Protein backbone atom coordinates (compact mmCIF):
# COMPACT_ATOMS: atom_id res chain seq x y z
CA MET A 1 112.09 100.83 88.12
CA SER A 2 109.99 99.15 85.74
CA THR A 3 107.52 101.72 84.06
CA VAL A 4 104.50 101.04 81.89
CA THR A 5 104.79 102.61 78.22
CA SER A 6 102.55 105.21 77.22
CA ASN A 7 100.82 103.18 74.21
CA PRO A 8 97.78 100.95 75.23
CA LEU A 9 97.92 97.25 74.53
CA PRO A 10 96.75 96.23 71.02
CA SER A 11 93.77 94.36 72.62
CA GLU A 12 92.28 97.41 74.71
CA PRO A 13 90.50 100.54 73.11
CA PRO A 14 92.57 103.69 73.27
CA ALA A 15 92.09 106.34 75.95
CA SER A 16 89.35 108.99 74.71
CA ARG A 17 88.20 112.10 76.33
CA LEU A 18 85.61 112.25 78.85
CA THR A 19 81.94 112.70 78.25
CA LEU A 20 79.91 115.08 80.09
CA THR A 21 78.32 112.13 81.93
CA GLN A 22 81.43 110.27 82.49
CA TRP A 23 82.75 113.53 84.21
CA LEU A 24 79.46 113.41 86.30
CA ILE A 25 80.15 109.87 87.13
CA VAL A 26 83.57 110.32 88.14
CA PHE A 27 82.46 113.62 90.29
CA ILE A 28 79.92 111.72 92.20
CA ALA A 29 82.41 108.87 92.89
CA VAL A 30 84.49 111.48 94.35
CA ILE A 31 81.76 112.51 96.75
CA GLY A 32 80.82 109.10 97.52
CA PHE A 33 84.42 107.88 98.14
CA MET A 34 84.96 110.91 100.36
CA PHE A 35 81.87 110.71 102.54
CA ASP A 36 82.08 107.07 102.91
CA THR A 37 85.46 107.80 104.79
CA TYR A 38 83.85 110.96 106.72
CA ALA A 39 81.17 109.01 107.87
CA LEU A 40 83.83 106.30 109.17
CA LEU A 41 86.35 108.29 110.60
CA VAL A 42 84.06 110.59 112.54
CA MET A 43 83.73 107.76 115.09
CA PRO A 44 87.72 107.73 116.56
CA LEU A 45 87.12 111.68 116.98
CA ILE A 46 83.90 111.67 119.11
CA ALA A 47 84.32 108.08 120.77
CA ARG A 48 85.90 109.49 124.01
CA PRO A 49 83.25 112.47 124.72
CA ALA A 50 80.22 110.51 123.40
CA LEU A 51 80.83 106.86 125.23
CA ALA A 52 81.83 109.09 128.31
CA GLU A 53 78.39 110.45 128.37
CA LEU A 54 76.43 107.71 127.43
CA LEU A 55 78.24 105.38 129.71
CA LYS A 56 78.53 107.91 132.54
CA VAL A 57 82.25 107.45 133.24
CA ASP A 58 85.15 109.78 134.10
CA PRO A 59 87.30 109.50 130.87
CA VAL A 60 90.66 110.93 133.13
CA THR A 61 90.35 107.71 135.47
CA PRO A 62 92.05 104.21 134.50
CA ALA A 63 88.80 102.63 135.08
CA GLY A 64 86.51 105.07 133.33
CA LEU A 65 89.05 105.28 130.23
CA GLN A 66 89.38 101.42 130.17
CA ARG A 67 85.58 101.21 129.80
CA ILE A 68 85.78 103.69 127.11
CA ALA A 69 88.50 101.92 125.14
CA ASN A 70 86.47 98.32 125.75
CA TYR A 71 83.07 99.76 124.20
CA THR A 72 85.20 101.75 121.33
CA GLY A 73 86.41 98.24 120.38
CA TYR A 74 82.88 96.72 120.70
CA ILE A 75 81.65 99.40 118.18
CA MET A 76 84.48 99.43 115.91
CA TRP A 77 84.55 95.59 115.70
CA GLY A 78 80.37 94.87 115.77
CA SER A 79 80.33 97.45 113.16
CA ALA A 80 83.08 95.77 110.83
CA ILE A 81 81.71 92.50 111.58
CA SER A 82 78.27 93.73 110.29
CA GLY A 83 79.79 95.51 107.65
CA GLY A 84 81.38 92.68 106.42
CA ILE A 85 78.65 90.14 106.52
CA PHE A 86 76.27 92.60 104.78
CA GLY A 87 79.10 93.86 102.59
CA LEU A 88 79.89 90.36 101.17
CA LEU A 89 75.76 90.09 100.63
CA GLY A 90 76.30 93.68 98.97
CA GLY A 91 78.85 92.38 96.35
CA TYR A 92 76.85 89.28 95.55
CA LEU A 93 73.65 91.67 95.10
CA THR A 94 76.14 94.30 93.09
CA ASP A 95 76.93 91.13 90.36
CA ARG A 96 73.34 90.06 90.45
CA PHE A 97 71.41 93.41 90.17
CA GLY A 98 73.70 95.79 89.01
CA ARG A 99 76.32 98.25 90.09
CA ARG A 100 73.68 101.52 90.03
CA ARG A 101 70.74 100.08 92.01
CA VAL A 102 73.12 98.84 94.60
CA LEU A 103 74.76 101.85 95.06
CA THR A 104 71.70 104.09 95.63
CA TRP A 105 70.63 101.72 98.14
CA SER A 106 73.65 101.74 100.11
CA ILE A 107 74.04 105.49 100.12
CA LEU A 108 70.51 105.63 101.79
CA VAL A 109 71.09 103.28 104.28
CA TYR A 110 74.23 105.06 105.49
CA ALA A 111 72.38 108.23 105.24
CA ILE A 112 69.58 107.70 107.72
CA SER A 113 72.04 105.94 110.08
CA ALA A 114 74.26 108.67 110.24
CA LEU A 115 71.57 111.23 111.12
CA ALA A 116 69.83 108.97 113.55
CA SER A 117 73.11 108.07 115.50
CA GLY A 118 73.46 111.92 116.73
CA PHE A 119 70.22 111.24 118.93
CA SER A 120 71.39 108.23 120.54
CA THR A 121 70.38 107.90 123.98
CA SER A 122 72.44 105.06 125.28
CA PRO A 123 75.53 103.12 124.12
CA GLU A 124 73.55 100.29 122.62
CA MET A 125 71.87 102.46 120.29
CA LEU A 126 75.12 104.34 119.03
CA LEU A 127 76.40 100.60 118.45
CA VAL A 128 73.81 99.56 116.70
CA LEU A 129 73.51 102.78 114.24
CA ARG A 130 77.10 102.54 113.93
CA CYS A 131 76.86 99.25 112.34
CA THR A 132 74.02 100.09 109.94
CA THR A 133 76.39 103.00 108.88
CA PHE A 134 78.91 100.63 108.24
CA ILE A 135 77.12 98.25 106.13
CA GLY A 136 76.00 101.12 104.03
CA VAL A 137 79.47 102.28 103.67
CA CYS A 138 80.75 98.49 102.79
CA VAL A 139 78.33 97.95 100.33
CA GLU A 140 78.82 101.54 98.65
CA PHE A 141 82.63 101.05 98.32
CA VAL A 142 82.55 97.44 96.15
CA ALA A 143 79.58 99.00 93.68
CA ALA A 144 81.54 101.91 93.01
CA VAL A 145 84.80 100.53 92.54
CA ALA A 146 83.13 97.73 90.05
CA TRP A 147 81.20 100.50 88.40
CA LEU A 148 84.02 102.77 87.90
CA ALA A 149 86.35 100.00 86.69
CA GLU A 150 84.26 98.82 84.00
CA LEU A 151 83.20 102.29 82.57
CA PHE A 152 86.62 102.77 81.21
CA PRO A 153 87.86 99.78 79.17
CA ASN A 154 91.55 101.63 78.63
CA ALA A 155 93.94 100.17 81.45
CA HIS A 156 96.02 103.42 81.43
CA GLN A 157 92.91 105.64 82.28
CA ARG A 158 91.18 103.07 84.26
CA GLU A 159 94.03 102.89 86.44
CA ALA A 160 94.27 106.71 87.00
CA ILE A 161 90.68 107.47 87.42
CA LEU A 162 90.60 104.43 90.04
CA GLY A 163 93.65 105.81 91.30
CA TYR A 164 92.75 109.55 91.76
CA THR A 165 88.88 109.50 92.59
CA GLN A 166 89.65 107.05 95.45
CA ALA A 167 92.51 109.75 96.58
CA PHE A 168 89.83 112.08 97.55
CA SER A 169 88.72 109.49 99.91
CA SER A 170 90.96 111.36 102.56
CA PHE A 171 89.61 114.40 101.89
CA GLY A 172 86.61 112.69 103.80
CA GLY A 173 89.13 112.23 106.82
CA LEU A 174 90.47 116.11 106.30
CA LEU A 175 86.39 117.31 106.35
CA SER A 176 85.78 115.22 109.43
CA ALA A 177 88.74 116.65 111.30
CA GLY A 178 87.91 120.24 110.30
CA ILE A 179 84.23 120.02 110.53
CA TYR A 180 85.00 118.60 113.94
CA TYR A 181 87.08 121.56 114.80
CA LEU A 182 84.37 124.04 113.92
CA ILE A 183 81.43 122.14 115.64
CA LEU A 184 83.72 122.64 118.79
CA LYS A 185 84.29 126.01 118.37
CA PHE A 186 80.44 127.14 117.17
CA ASN A 187 78.16 124.38 118.96
CA THR A 188 76.64 126.79 121.12
CA ASP A 189 75.33 128.53 118.00
CA LEU A 190 73.61 125.22 116.42
CA PRO A 191 70.06 123.78 117.87
CA ILE A 192 69.79 122.18 121.12
CA ILE A 193 69.55 118.48 121.55
CA PHE A 194 68.29 116.82 124.44
CA GLY A 195 68.41 120.21 126.22
CA GLU A 196 72.37 120.65 125.53
CA HIS A 197 74.83 121.63 123.13
CA VAL A 198 76.68 118.64 122.28
CA PRO A 199 79.27 118.71 119.73
CA TRP A 200 79.79 114.97 119.67
CA ARG A 201 76.09 114.59 118.07
CA TYR A 202 76.22 117.25 115.81
CA VAL A 203 79.24 115.70 114.19
CA LEU A 204 77.66 112.32 113.46
CA ILE A 205 74.51 114.35 112.18
CA SER A 206 76.79 116.04 109.75
CA GLY A 207 77.42 112.84 108.00
CA VAL A 208 74.22 112.95 106.06
CA ILE A 209 74.24 116.59 104.70
CA PRO A 210 76.69 115.37 101.56
CA ALA A 211 74.70 112.30 100.88
CA LEU A 212 71.57 114.12 100.08
CA PRO A 213 72.88 115.17 96.70
CA LEU A 214 74.31 111.72 95.71
CA ILE A 215 70.79 110.23 96.97
CA PHE A 216 68.88 112.38 94.08
CA ILE A 217 71.62 112.07 91.52
CA ARG A 218 72.92 108.69 91.19
CA PRO A 219 69.88 106.86 90.37
CA PHE A 220 69.77 108.82 86.90
CA LEU A 221 73.44 107.80 86.11
CA PRO A 222 74.03 104.59 83.44
CA GLU A 223 74.60 101.10 84.50
CA SER A 224 77.75 99.85 83.95
CA PRO A 225 78.14 98.95 80.12
CA ALA A 226 80.30 95.52 80.64
CA TRP A 227 77.43 94.30 83.17
CA GLN A 228 74.68 95.56 81.29
CA GLN A 229 75.78 93.95 77.83
CA LYS A 230 75.83 90.77 79.55
CA LYS A 231 72.98 90.79 81.17
CA VAL A 232 71.14 91.51 78.03
CA GLN A 233 72.60 88.93 76.03
CA GLY A 234 72.00 86.51 78.68
CA THR A 235 75.50 85.50 79.17
CA LEU A 236 76.05 86.85 82.53
CA LYS A 237 77.17 84.21 84.87
CA ARG A 238 75.24 83.78 88.37
CA PRO A 239 77.96 84.88 90.88
CA SER A 240 78.95 82.66 93.89
CA ILE A 241 80.84 82.94 96.71
CA ALA A 242 81.97 79.36 96.35
CA GLU A 243 83.62 80.17 92.95
CA LEU A 244 86.24 82.42 94.81
CA PHE A 245 87.60 79.20 96.36
CA ARG A 246 87.83 77.12 93.38
CA PRO A 247 91.43 76.69 91.94
CA ALA A 248 91.38 79.52 89.80
CA PHE A 249 90.80 82.12 92.22
CA ARG A 250 91.49 80.27 95.76
CA ARG A 251 95.05 81.98 96.04
CA THR A 252 93.68 85.33 94.78
CA SER A 253 90.78 85.54 97.13
CA LEU A 254 93.13 84.42 100.34
CA VAL A 255 96.13 86.17 99.94
CA THR A 256 94.18 89.63 99.14
CA ALA A 257 92.06 89.03 101.96
CA ALA A 258 94.72 88.58 104.13
CA LEU A 259 96.68 91.72 102.57
CA PHE A 260 93.75 93.86 103.05
CA ALA A 261 93.11 92.35 106.72
CA CYS A 262 96.47 93.86 107.69
CA GLY A 263 95.75 97.34 106.15
CA PHE A 264 92.46 97.39 108.41
CA GLY A 265 94.60 96.08 111.33
CA ALA A 266 97.16 98.90 110.89
CA ALA A 267 94.47 101.44 110.68
CA PHE A 268 92.12 100.22 113.52
CA GLY A 269 94.67 98.27 115.53
CA ALA A 270 97.01 101.71 115.68
CA ILE A 271 96.07 104.58 113.94
CA GLN A 272 92.42 104.83 114.95
CA TRP A 273 93.81 104.91 118.73
CA THR A 274 95.40 107.92 118.48
CA PRO A 275 92.66 110.18 119.55
CA GLN A 276 92.37 108.20 122.71
CA ILE A 277 96.11 108.79 123.19
CA VAL A 278 96.16 112.82 122.36
CA PRO A 279 94.55 114.29 125.34
CA ALA A 280 97.28 113.02 127.90
CA LEU A 281 99.83 114.83 125.71
CA ALA A 282 97.76 117.92 125.16
CA LEU A 283 98.12 119.12 128.79
CA SER A 284 101.35 120.25 130.91
CA PRO A 285 101.40 118.28 134.23
CA GLN A 286 100.29 121.70 135.94
CA GLU A 287 96.97 121.51 133.76
CA LYS A 288 96.57 117.87 134.56
CA GLY A 289 96.50 118.30 138.08
CA HIS A 290 94.16 121.37 137.78
CA LEU A 291 91.91 119.27 135.67
CA SER A 292 92.14 116.74 138.12
CA ASP A 293 91.38 118.94 141.12
CA LEU A 294 88.49 120.53 139.13
CA GLN A 295 86.94 116.88 138.77
CA LYS A 296 87.15 116.39 142.56
CA GLN A 297 85.42 119.52 143.20
CA TYR A 298 82.83 118.92 140.99
CA SER A 299 82.15 115.18 142.29
CA GLN A 300 81.51 116.96 145.63
CA SER A 301 79.78 119.78 144.57
CA PRO A 302 78.51 120.02 141.12
CA THR A 303 77.96 123.56 140.18
CA PRO A 304 77.98 125.32 136.72
CA GLU A 305 81.13 127.36 137.27
CA LEU A 306 83.13 124.03 137.77
CA LYS A 307 81.63 122.38 134.66
CA GLN A 308 82.62 125.28 132.47
CA GLN A 309 85.88 125.19 133.87
CA ILE A 310 86.14 121.50 133.11
CA GLN A 311 84.72 121.70 129.63
CA GLU A 312 87.31 124.76 128.57
CA VAL A 313 90.25 122.51 129.60
CA GLN A 314 88.95 119.29 128.03
CA GLY A 315 87.80 121.58 124.66
CA LYS A 316 91.67 121.84 124.66
CA GLN A 317 92.16 118.45 124.67
CA GLN A 318 89.86 117.77 122.01
CA LYS A 319 91.29 120.65 119.61
CA ALA A 320 94.56 119.04 119.89
CA VAL A 321 92.81 115.62 118.85
CA ALA A 322 91.16 117.38 115.84
CA ASN A 323 94.62 118.86 114.88
CA VAL A 324 96.84 115.63 114.89
CA GLN A 325 93.79 114.19 113.13
CA MET A 326 94.19 116.74 110.46
CA PHE A 327 97.89 115.55 110.03
CA GLN A 328 96.99 111.99 109.60
CA GLU A 329 94.34 112.88 107.23
CA VAL A 330 96.61 115.10 105.09
CA GLY A 331 99.44 112.20 105.07
CA GLY A 332 96.60 109.76 103.82
CA LEU A 333 95.60 112.21 101.02
CA LEU A 334 99.30 112.76 99.84
CA GLY A 335 99.85 108.81 100.04
CA ARG A 336 96.51 108.43 98.18
CA PHE A 337 97.89 110.69 95.45
CA PHE A 338 101.37 108.98 95.35
CA LEU A 339 99.88 105.77 94.97
CA ALA A 340 97.60 106.59 91.92
CA TRP A 341 101.18 108.62 90.47
CA LEU A 342 103.09 105.28 90.79
CA ALA A 343 100.11 102.74 89.91
CA ILE A 344 100.52 103.91 86.08
CA ARG A 345 104.24 103.70 86.13
CA ILE A 346 105.07 100.54 88.02
CA VAL A 347 104.18 97.17 86.37
CA SER A 348 104.54 94.80 89.20
CA ARG A 349 101.78 94.99 91.70
CA ARG A 350 104.11 93.24 94.36
CA ARG A 351 106.71 95.97 93.99
CA LEU A 352 104.02 98.82 94.15
CA LEU A 353 102.60 97.65 97.60
CA ARG A 354 106.00 97.02 99.38
CA ILE A 355 107.02 100.72 98.59
CA PHE A 356 104.40 101.26 101.42
CA LEU A 357 104.94 98.21 103.48
CA ILE A 358 108.44 98.03 104.16
CA PRO A 359 109.06 101.55 105.79
CA GLY A 360 105.71 100.82 107.51
CA LEU A 361 107.05 98.02 109.05
CA VAL A 362 109.85 100.14 110.87
CA LEU A 363 108.53 103.59 111.20
CA ILE A 364 104.96 103.18 112.54
CA PRO A 365 105.80 100.94 115.84
CA LEU A 366 108.24 103.69 116.30
CA VAL A 367 106.01 106.47 116.37
CA PHE A 368 103.60 104.62 118.85
CA LEU A 369 106.72 103.59 121.18
CA PHE A 370 108.25 107.04 121.58
CA PRO A 371 106.26 110.39 120.77
CA ALA A 372 102.77 108.70 121.34
CA ALA A 373 103.90 107.44 124.57
CA GLY A 374 105.45 110.58 125.66
CA LYS A 375 108.64 109.12 126.21
CA LEU A 376 110.75 111.87 124.43
CA SER A 377 112.48 114.62 126.45
CA SER A 378 110.28 117.53 124.98
CA HIS A 379 107.66 118.15 122.00
CA ASN A 380 106.02 114.75 122.26
CA LEU A 381 103.09 116.14 120.47
CA ASP A 382 104.64 117.78 117.83
CA LEU A 383 106.73 114.86 117.06
CA LEU A 384 103.54 112.95 116.97
CA ARG A 385 101.83 114.94 114.60
CA ALA A 386 104.87 114.41 112.10
CA GLY A 387 105.17 110.76 112.89
CA ILE A 388 100.78 109.92 112.17
CA PHE A 389 101.36 112.02 109.09
CA VAL A 390 103.91 109.18 107.68
CA ALA A 391 101.64 106.57 109.23
CA GLY A 392 98.73 107.77 107.43
CA PHE A 393 100.93 108.17 104.16
CA LEU A 394 101.99 104.55 104.26
CA THR A 395 98.81 103.19 105.56
CA ILE A 396 95.79 104.70 103.89
CA ALA A 397 97.63 104.88 100.45
CA GLN A 398 96.91 101.09 100.43
CA PHE A 399 93.28 100.98 100.54
CA SER A 400 93.70 102.78 97.17
CA TYR A 401 95.83 100.19 95.89
CA TRP A 402 93.15 97.72 96.33
CA GLY A 403 91.01 99.79 94.32
CA ASN A 404 93.06 99.14 91.49
CA TYR A 405 94.19 95.77 91.79
CA LEU A 406 90.86 93.65 92.55
CA PRO A 407 89.11 94.72 89.24
CA ARG A 408 91.74 93.11 87.30
CA VAL A 409 91.90 89.67 88.74
CA TYR A 410 88.09 88.98 88.82
CA PRO A 411 85.91 88.67 85.60
CA THR A 412 82.62 90.60 85.25
CA TYR A 413 79.98 88.00 86.97
CA LEU A 414 82.32 87.73 90.05
CA ARG A 415 83.98 91.23 90.24
CA GLY A 416 81.84 92.60 93.24
CA THR A 417 81.72 89.26 95.12
CA GLY A 418 85.72 88.91 94.91
CA GLU A 419 86.29 92.52 95.81
CA SER A 420 83.55 92.16 98.46
CA PHE A 421 85.34 89.36 99.76
CA ALA A 422 88.74 90.94 100.21
CA ALA A 423 87.37 94.32 101.60
CA ASN A 424 84.52 93.01 103.50
CA ILE A 425 85.63 89.72 104.86
CA GLY A 426 89.12 90.21 105.07
CA GLY A 427 89.64 93.72 105.91
CA ARG A 428 86.61 94.73 107.77
CA MET A 429 85.74 91.64 109.73
CA VAL A 430 89.23 90.14 110.19
CA GLY A 431 91.44 93.17 109.88
CA THR A 432 89.32 95.52 112.31
CA ALA A 433 89.53 92.77 114.98
CA ALA A 434 93.15 94.42 115.65
CA ASN A 435 90.95 97.35 117.45
CA PRO A 436 89.92 95.11 120.59
CA LEU A 437 93.12 93.38 120.58
CA THR A 438 95.02 96.81 121.07
CA ALA A 439 92.28 97.41 123.92
CA THR A 440 92.75 94.00 125.36
CA LEU A 441 96.55 94.32 125.17
CA ALA A 442 96.70 97.63 126.78
CA PRO A 443 95.81 96.39 130.27
CA LEU A 444 98.51 94.01 130.15
CA LEU A 445 101.06 96.38 129.56
CA LEU A 446 100.03 98.69 132.25
CA SER A 447 102.91 98.20 134.60
CA ALA A 448 105.23 98.25 131.49
CA ALA A 449 103.78 101.76 131.38
CA GLY A 450 104.41 102.82 134.56
CA GLY A 451 100.34 102.79 135.66
CA VAL A 452 99.57 105.49 132.82
CA PRO A 453 96.65 104.35 130.61
CA SER A 454 97.17 106.40 127.70
CA VAL A 455 100.93 104.98 127.33
CA SER A 456 99.94 101.41 127.75
CA LEU A 457 97.59 102.05 124.81
CA ALA A 458 100.35 103.46 122.96
CA TYR A 459 102.53 100.61 123.59
CA ALA A 460 99.77 98.11 122.50
CA ALA A 461 99.29 99.98 119.41
CA ALA A 462 102.90 99.84 118.47
CA VAL A 463 102.66 96.01 118.98
CA VAL A 464 99.82 95.56 116.96
CA ALA A 465 101.23 97.84 113.95
CA PHE A 466 104.46 95.90 114.04
CA LEU A 467 102.52 92.57 113.84
CA VAL A 468 100.27 93.27 111.02
CA TYR A 469 102.99 95.21 108.60
CA ALA A 470 105.26 92.10 109.50
CA LEU A 471 102.47 89.57 108.14
CA ALA A 472 101.43 92.03 105.13
CA ASN A 473 105.45 92.14 104.02
CA LEU A 474 105.38 88.43 104.18
CA PHE A 475 101.79 87.71 102.40
CA THR A 476 103.19 89.72 99.25
CA PHE A 477 105.44 86.86 98.27
CA TRP A 478 102.30 84.72 97.58
CA LEU A 479 100.33 87.90 95.89
CA PRO A 480 99.36 86.89 92.19
CA GLU A 481 100.40 89.36 89.65
CA PRO A 482 97.44 90.22 87.18
CA LYS A 483 97.92 88.39 83.92
CA ALA A 484 96.67 91.14 81.72
CA GLU A 485 95.94 94.89 81.94
CA ALA A 486 93.01 94.58 80.45
CA LEU A 487 89.61 93.63 82.62
CA LEU A 488 88.79 89.86 82.47
CA ASP A 489 85.65 89.18 80.69
């Protein structure tokens, strides 16, 4: 395996100890990355109970589950399209007006949206507020990566800081699963919303809490020195989206966008459907029959006692969802840290990416074809936990990869725009289309799944996972290697 020597290149300044301000910036970046992920990953956790209530459907029936799956797809893809369009604009604004200013406004957008989404009274209202939440997150990611990259001119130090700060994104996923579990357990102790204690509302609202210190601290932190210097000297070129498609950047722009799309395709088209699949694995056949009987009785005679019994059984399903989500997030966390460790040791960026892509092509489809579909003779849920850990490890690490790679292939005046095109157009607009693709495939596979909706959903996720991982492995052959370790001027 090729490794990078520990001595910096002559053309770059040596690494120095971080100042107090730099430590504060790293700390704020860690919190920002962590809660960007938190804000995004609460939706797969609460989609089933939230949409069952807002759509007024029964999630146990095939028709009810399909409506929830369809509307989940609308929310996932609708918010991703919104985030992609406004995220690209945000990348342009980041290059035009500075990294720090755009960061501050992006945090305000997602904090307000997270708070308001917990008070949604219709699926349409939830859709709109999830779109605005996604817009804030998409803009924040691009501005934060450009800001961090330009603060640390030494290549080894920059690679390490970008890798390890982004690794904390997975703590956001762990936190979302942990808070979801705690809210399920203690929701009756929280304030009543619309006359009820409804866990999914508290989960959405909780996204605003960590944003509060960021709102107050970030405006007082310094602007990117590289951007500021060029701005003051009058040498900062005006960013242009068209510049991305000129010969010098065309291949980089298209291939990175395609690979980013594949990463998001695996996450949104397979992994994020897991919370919809787990409830069917969490109950024994006897418990499923008991739940069905209770729901039939409740439809004929809706008494508080029957409702409580139904909620107790469904609570077991929701806790299983949170538990499986925790395994996924731990896998993603370790994958990000492993990527950060490898990033300063492996010279070839293609080779680094393939370490995660090649095993993912084989393992992730198998996870959804067998334990997720309940096709093993026993311990399907236990094996799904292990499998989703591996899926998270291999897929989530790729998002940290791009935070390290993209700043090295675009100059200062185009860095935010180029990163935004790959992340927001490629990843969040094109890649997240895998989510409704899975929802569309699932009914077509229902007969092959024996008429069981959760099984057909698992089969569809397996197909999509194989497709995007196969394409990603193919696209790596055209991925440009960065010409130098130092950032382009």
